[in-house]
């Protein structure tokens, strides 16, 4: 079988979905999910006019790159290859000169999806589309706290869904700058869309009323009073360290979910995520329920959000788990 065959077959399987996305004004979606479609370690995403190929195991050979480039041209897309197989580094290769800034569309909204930038991850995570869709449909007249906001995609969707106000929090200024640009692309002003360049753990503990304690309390940080929100988005990275604590979604999700629960208003909701494949959804949910009980804010309802059809999961257990918890 030729290298390009499973890729072409994957796109053919998506024909009906691609038409639906086109009607929804979406031109950002996964074309090939190599983990379950025949080439582990390779993924190909469409971002507007670009086909972004990413490799995690082995880099593409020259013949494979040339075959992909020809295939992408057949779809009227420009190929960009992001080689992530060398740990902690990223190497781009592309066949033609690209515009400095590339804009993609999702659910009628515009996002900066420039494939070549200083970071490693794409600027818009496509498996999180279902969460942005949910937010757009459920944000009306709500206050939103978007933690670990990255480029604020779900914050933009919230304002598009008529949210009263969205506060996007992230420690990375570069990511928040993209978030601000995403807001401008959609005509969103500062009154309802705010960004806070701070450590999410620091802000989370203050809003929850738990406070910043120990050595961290002696550091310089923005002082915040306890505050509650109608919807709290908790979308942490797998592992991270900061002066205000440690994020470990495998061993210690409780240290995140407890203050998030306390930040949610009575009758509010938390959109929580866990992106580690080895974590079982049932166990993760059980741990969050135990934590909520101990905090005196038991979980009243659970709605699972499943990545859309461009992220097939034959066993029904996608790596990215998303749960909307009603309190």
Protein backbone atom coordinates (compact mmCIF):
# COMPACT_ATOMS: atom_id res chain seq x y z
CA UNK A 1 0.00 0.00 0.00
CA UNK A 2 1.31 3.43 -0.97
CA UNK A 3 2.05 5.88 1.84
CA UNK A 4 -0.71 8.23 0.72
CA UNK A 5 -3.46 5.58 0.45
CA UNK A 6 -4.68 5.51 4.10
CA UNK A 7 -4.63 9.31 4.14
CA UNK A 8 -6.79 9.57 1.04
CA UNK A 9 -9.15 6.93 2.44
CA UNK A 10 -9.49 8.87 5.71
CA UNK A 11 -10.45 12.04 3.84
CA UNK A 12 -12.99 10.09 1.78
CA UNK A 13 -14.60 8.81 5.00
CA UNK A 14 -15.03 12.42 6.11
CA UNK A 15 -16.77 13.62 2.94
CA UNK A 16 -20.20 14.02 4.52
CA UNK A 17 -18.78 15.65 7.67
CA UNK A 18 -16.65 18.05 5.63
CA UNK A 19 -19.77 19.19 3.81
CA UNK A 20 -21.53 19.75 7.15
CA UNK A 21 -18.57 21.72 8.48
CA UNK A 22 -18.50 23.80 5.31
CA UNK A 23 -22.15 24.70 5.88
CA UNK A 24 -21.27 25.65 9.47
CA UNK A 25 -18.48 27.93 8.19
CA UNK A 26 -15.77 25.61 9.48
CA UNK A 27 -12.56 25.03 7.55
CA UNK A 28 -10.43 23.75 10.44
CA UNK A 29 -10.62 20.00 11.06
CA UNK A 30 -8.50 16.86 11.22
CA UNK A 31 -8.02 15.19 7.85
CA UNK A 32 -6.04 12.20 9.09
CA UNK A 33 -5.86 10.81 12.61
CA UNK A 34 -2.93 8.48 12.21
CA UNK A 35 -3.17 6.91 15.65
CA UNK A 36 -6.25 4.95 14.56
CA UNK A 37 -6.25 5.40 10.77
CA UNK A 38 -3.13 3.55 9.76
CA UNK A 39 0.03 5.60 10.41
CA UNK A 40 0.69 6.07 14.16
CA UNK A 41 2.74 9.16 14.89
CA UNK A 42 1.29 11.20 12.02
CA UNK A 43 -1.62 13.62 12.04
CA UNK A 44 -2.77 15.96 9.28
CA UNK A 45 -5.05 18.90 10.04
CA UNK A 46 -6.65 21.44 7.81
CA UNK A 47 -6.32 25.01 9.04
CA UNK A 48 -8.02 27.23 6.47
CA UNK A 49 -5.82 27.16 3.34
CA UNK A 50 -3.14 24.99 4.99
CA UNK A 51 -2.69 21.26 5.52
CA UNK A 52 -0.57 20.93 8.67
CA UNK A 53 1.20 17.57 8.99
CA UNK A 54 2.69 16.73 12.40
CA UNK A 55 5.02 13.83 13.19
CA UNK A 56 5.82 12.56 16.69
CA UNK A 57 7.69 9.29 16.06
CA UNK A 58 9.67 9.35 12.82
CA UNK A 59 10.21 12.32 10.53
CA UNK A 60 8.87 12.18 6.98
CA UNK A 61 11.24 11.04 4.27
CA UNK A 62 11.73 13.28 1.25
CA UNK A 63 9.54 10.95 -0.81
CA UNK A 64 6.78 11.05 1.82
CA UNK A 65 6.92 14.84 2.06
CA UNK A 66 6.75 15.20 -1.71
CA UNK A 67 3.82 12.77 -1.90
CA UNK A 68 1.98 14.69 0.83
CA UNK A 69 2.67 17.98 -0.89
CA UNK A 70 1.23 16.71 -4.16
CA UNK A 71 -1.80 15.28 -2.32
CA UNK A 72 -2.40 18.60 -0.49
CA UNK A 73 -2.20 20.53 -3.74
CA UNK A 74 -4.95 18.26 -5.08
CA UNK A 75 -7.14 19.57 -2.24
CA UNK A 76 -6.09 23.18 -3.00
CA UNK A 77 -4.13 23.29 0.28
CA UNK A 78 -0.57 24.36 1.05
CA UNK A 79 1.42 21.77 3.01
CA UNK A 80 3.31 22.66 6.19
CA UNK A 81 5.17 19.93 8.07
CA UNK A 82 5.81 20.30 11.80
CA UNK A 83 8.31 17.64 12.90
CA UNK A 84 7.97 17.06 16.65
CA UNK A 85 9.85 13.76 16.72
CA UNK A 86 12.87 15.43 18.33
CA UNK A 87 11.89 16.02 21.93
CA UNK A 88 11.47 19.61 23.00
CA UNK A 89 12.08 21.01 19.54
CA UNK A 90 10.09 21.76 16.42
CA UNK A 91 11.17 21.90 12.79
CA UNK A 92 8.98 23.33 10.02
CA UNK A 93 9.17 22.57 6.35
CA UNK A 94 6.87 23.80 3.62
CA UNK A 95 6.89 23.78 -0.13
CA UNK A 96 5.81 27.35 -0.89
CA UNK A 97 6.05 30.74 0.79
CA UNK A 98 3.06 31.32 3.07
CA UNK A 99 1.42 34.54 4.26
CA UNK A 100 2.69 35.77 7.63
CA UNK A 101 -0.74 35.38 9.24
CA UNK A 102 -3.29 32.71 8.35
CA UNK A 103 -6.90 32.83 9.51
CA UNK A 104 -9.19 29.80 9.77
CA UNK A 105 -12.91 29.52 10.44
CA UNK A 106 -14.81 27.41 12.94
CA UNK A 107 -18.56 27.57 13.58
CA UNK A 108 -18.67 30.95 11.88
CA UNK A 109 -15.83 32.41 13.97
CA UNK A 110 -12.34 33.43 12.85
CA UNK A 111 -9.11 32.33 14.52
CA UNK A 112 -5.41 32.91 13.99
CA UNK A 113 -4.20 29.48 12.84
CA UNK A 114 -0.77 30.46 11.54
CA UNK A 115 1.07 27.10 11.40
CA UNK A 116 4.58 28.45 11.89
CA UNK A 117 5.10 30.20 15.19
CA UNK A 118 7.39 30.17 18.22
CA UNK A 119 5.44 27.49 20.09
CA UNK A 120 5.15 23.77 19.47
CA UNK A 121 1.38 23.16 19.55
CA UNK A 122 -1.02 24.52 16.91
CA UNK A 123 -2.80 27.71 17.91
CA UNK A 124 -6.22 26.01 17.85
CA UNK A 125 -6.79 22.49 19.25
CA UNK A 126 -9.28 20.84 16.93
CA UNK A 127 -10.41 18.03 19.23
CA UNK A 128 -11.68 20.77 21.57
CA UNK A 129 -14.16 21.97 18.92
CA UNK A 130 -17.02 20.13 20.62
CA UNK A 131 -16.34 22.15 23.79
CA UNK A 132 -16.31 25.43 21.87
CA UNK A 133 -19.57 24.36 20.22
CA UNK A 134 -21.08 23.58 23.64
CA UNK A 135 -19.92 26.91 25.01
CA UNK A 136 -21.35 28.87 22.11
CA UNK A 137 -24.71 27.18 22.73
CA UNK A 138 -24.72 27.55 26.54
CA UNK A 139 -22.99 30.83 27.40
CA UNK A 140 -25.91 33.21 27.03
CA UNK A 141 -25.98 35.77 29.89
CA UNK A 142 -23.35 33.75 31.78
CA UNK A 143 -20.08 34.81 33.41
CA UNK A 144 -17.17 32.60 32.34
CA UNK A 145 -13.80 31.89 33.94
CA UNK A 146 -11.49 30.36 31.33
CA UNK A 147 -8.44 28.86 33.07
CA UNK A 148 -5.30 27.76 31.23
CA UNK A 149 -6.86 29.74 28.40
CA UNK A 150 -4.02 29.37 25.85
CA UNK A 151 -5.20 31.34 22.78
CA UNK A 152 -8.69 31.90 24.24
CA UNK A 153 -10.62 29.96 21.59
CA UNK A 154 -13.38 28.91 23.95
CA UNK A 155 -13.51 32.44 25.35
CA UNK A 156 -14.21 33.77 21.87
CA UNK A 157 -16.93 31.13 21.43
CA UNK A 158 -18.46 32.18 24.76
CA UNK A 159 -18.78 35.82 23.74
CA UNK A 160 -20.19 34.72 20.38
CA UNK A 161 -22.75 32.80 22.45
CA UNK A 162 -23.78 36.04 24.18
CA UNK A 163 -21.89 35.54 27.44
CA UNK A 164 -22.13 38.44 29.84
CA UNK A 165 -18.38 38.43 30.45
CA UNK A 166 -15.40 36.12 29.93
CA UNK A 167 -12.13 36.24 31.89
CA UNK A 168 -9.29 34.34 30.17
CA UNK A 169 -6.33 33.46 32.41
CA UNK A 170 -2.94 32.15 31.30
CA UNK A 171 0.70 32.60 32.31
CA UNK A 172 1.90 32.80 28.66
CA UNK A 173 1.70 36.34 27.32
CA UNK A 174 2.39 35.14 23.79
CA UNK A 175 -0.70 32.91 23.87
CA UNK A 176 -2.90 35.66 25.31
CA UNK A 177 -1.69 38.02 22.57
CA UNK A 178 -3.06 35.53 20.03
CA UNK A 179 -6.26 35.41 22.10
CA UNK A 180 -6.60 39.18 21.88
CA UNK A 181 -6.10 38.98 18.13
CA UNK A 182 -8.78 36.27 17.92
CA UNK A 183 -11.17 38.60 19.71
CA UNK A 184 -10.37 41.44 17.29
CA UNK A 185 -10.87 39.13 14.30
CA UNK A 186 -14.44 38.62 15.51
CA UNK A 187 -15.21 42.20 16.44
CA UNK A 188 -15.19 41.42 20.16
CA UNK A 189 -14.42 44.32 22.49
CA UNK A 190 -12.74 44.47 25.89
CA UNK A 191 -15.93 44.99 27.87
CA UNK A 192 -17.04 41.36 27.66
CA UNK A 193 -13.71 39.71 26.76
CA UNK A 194 -10.89 40.18 29.25
CA UNK A 195 -7.47 38.57 29.53
CA UNK A 196 -5.39 38.18 32.66
CA UNK A 197 -1.70 37.43 32.32
CA UNK A 198 -1.24 35.48 35.56
CA UNK A 199 -0.56 31.98 36.81
CA UNK A 200 -3.89 30.14 36.64
CA UNK A 201 -3.19 28.34 39.93
CA UNK A 202 -2.68 31.64 41.72
CA UNK A 203 -5.91 33.10 40.36
CA UNK A 204 -7.85 29.88 40.91
CA UNK A 205 -6.94 29.65 44.58
CA UNK A 206 -7.77 33.30 45.21
CA UNK A 207 -11.14 33.23 43.46
CA UNK A 208 -12.02 30.02 45.32
CA UNK A 209 -11.34 31.63 48.68
CA UNK A 210 -8.61 29.10 49.52
CA UNK A 211 -5.95 31.76 49.12
CA UNK A 212 -2.27 31.64 48.25
CA UNK A 213 -0.29 30.16 51.11
CA UNK A 214 3.24 29.24 52.12
CA UNK A 215 6.23 30.56 50.23
CA UNK A 216 4.05 31.46 47.26
CA UNK A 217 2.25 34.06 49.39
CA UNK A 218 5.50 36.03 49.61
CA UNK A 219 5.76 36.36 45.85
CA UNK A 220 4.48 39.27 43.81
CA UNK A 221 1.11 38.55 42.23
CA UNK A 222 -2.20 40.22 41.43
CA UNK A 223 -4.39 40.25 44.56
CA UNK A 224 -7.91 39.04 43.93
CA UNK A 225 -10.95 38.69 46.14
CA UNK A 226 -13.05 35.49 46.10
CA UNK A 227 -15.35 35.45 43.09
CA UNK A 228 -17.76 32.98 41.53
CA UNK A 229 -18.70 32.37 37.90
CA UNK A 230 -21.58 30.66 36.12
CA UNK A 231 -19.20 28.48 34.08
CA UNK A 232 -15.60 27.57 34.94
CA UNK A 233 -13.46 26.11 32.16
CA UNK A 234 -10.70 23.92 33.57
CA UNK A 235 -8.47 22.80 30.69
CA UNK A 236 -5.04 22.16 32.24
CA UNK A 237 -1.88 20.78 30.61
CA UNK A 238 -0.77 17.30 31.55
CA UNK A 239 2.07 18.42 33.78
CA UNK A 240 3.38 21.84 34.77
CA UNK A 241 5.20 23.48 37.67
CA UNK A 242 4.97 27.03 38.90
CA UNK A 243 5.80 29.01 42.04
CA UNK A 244 2.14 28.60 43.02
CA UNK A 245 1.96 24.83 42.77
CA UNK A 246 2.08 21.87 40.45
CA UNK A 247 -0.35 20.71 37.78
CA UNK A 248 -0.51 16.93 37.48
CA UNK A 249 -3.73 15.73 35.89
CA UNK A 250 -2.81 12.08 36.47
CA UNK A 251 -1.77 12.03 40.11
CA UNK A 252 -3.44 15.13 41.55
CA UNK A 253 -6.44 16.44 39.61
CA UNK A 254 -8.10 17.03 42.98
CA UNK A 255 -5.90 20.06 43.65
CA UNK A 256 -7.43 21.66 40.56
CA UNK A 257 -11.03 20.54 40.74
CA UNK A 258 -11.61 21.54 44.37
CA UNK A 259 -10.89 25.27 43.91
CA UNK A 260 -12.65 25.18 40.53
CA UNK A 261 -15.78 23.87 42.25
CA UNK A 262 -15.56 26.65 44.83
CA UNK A 263 -15.27 29.19 41.99
CA UNK A 264 -18.55 28.05 40.46
CA UNK A 265 -21.78 29.70 41.52
CA UNK A 266 -24.73 27.76 42.93
CA UNK A 267 -26.26 25.94 39.99
CA UNK A 268 -23.16 26.68 37.95
CA UNK A 269 -21.13 24.34 35.78
CA UNK A 270 -17.54 23.28 35.30
CA UNK A 271 -16.21 22.20 31.91
CA UNK A 272 -13.30 19.99 32.97
CA UNK A 273 -10.81 18.21 30.72
CA UNK A 274 -8.17 15.53 31.05
CA UNK A 275 -5.99 14.85 28.01
CA UNK A 276 -4.00 11.84 29.25
CA UNK A 277 -4.93 8.66 27.38
CA UNK A 278 -4.04 6.35 30.28
CA UNK A 279 -6.56 8.04 32.60
CA UNK A 280 -9.88 6.19 32.54
CA UNK A 281 -12.92 8.44 32.29
CA UNK A 282 -14.87 6.62 34.99
CA UNK A 283 -12.01 6.82 37.50
CA UNK A 284 -11.40 10.48 36.71
CA UNK A 285 -15.07 11.30 37.22
CA UNK A 286 -15.20 9.30 40.46
CA UNK A 287 -12.26 11.26 41.86
CA UNK A 288 -13.93 14.57 40.98
CA UNK A 289 -17.18 13.45 42.61
CA UNK A 290 -15.36 12.51 45.83
CA UNK A 291 -13.63 15.88 45.87
CA UNK A 292 -16.90 17.73 45.30
CA UNK A 293 -18.56 15.86 48.16
CA UNK A 294 -15.71 16.78 50.53
CA UNK A 295 -15.97 20.42 49.43
CA UNK A 296 -19.67 20.40 50.26
CA UNK A 297 -20.63 21.05 46.61
CA UNK A 298 -21.78 17.67 45.27
CA UNK A 299 -21.99 17.16 41.50
CA UNK A 300 -25.64 17.10 40.42
CA UNK A 301 -25.24 16.22 36.75
CA UNK A 302 -22.62 15.07 34.24
CA UNK A 303 -22.59 15.65 30.49
CA UNK A 304 -19.78 14.03 28.49
CA UNK A 305 -18.48 15.88 25.43
CA UNK A 306 -16.98 13.57 22.82
CA UNK A 307 -14.54 14.80 20.13
CA UNK A 308 -16.28 15.10 16.77
CA UNK A 309 -16.06 12.78 13.77
CA UNK A 310 -12.63 13.95 12.60
CA UNK A 311 -11.17 12.33 15.75
CA UNK A 312 -12.37 8.71 15.45
CA UNK A 313 -12.05 6.48 18.49
CA UNK A 314 -12.89 2.82 17.69
CA UNK A 315 -12.95 1.80 21.37
CA UNK A 316 -15.08 4.78 22.40
CA UNK A 317 -12.35 6.00 24.73
CA UNK A 318 -10.80 9.12 23.20
CA UNK A 319 -7.61 10.41 24.87
CA UNK A 320 -9.20 13.82 25.49
CA UNK A 321 -11.94 13.50 28.10
CA UNK A 322 -14.33 16.41 28.61
CA UNK A 323 -17.06 16.54 31.21
CA UNK A 324 -19.56 19.29 32.02
CA UNK A 325 -20.28 19.04 35.75
CA UNK A 326 -23.47 20.62 37.08
CA UNK A 327 -23.35 21.81 40.69
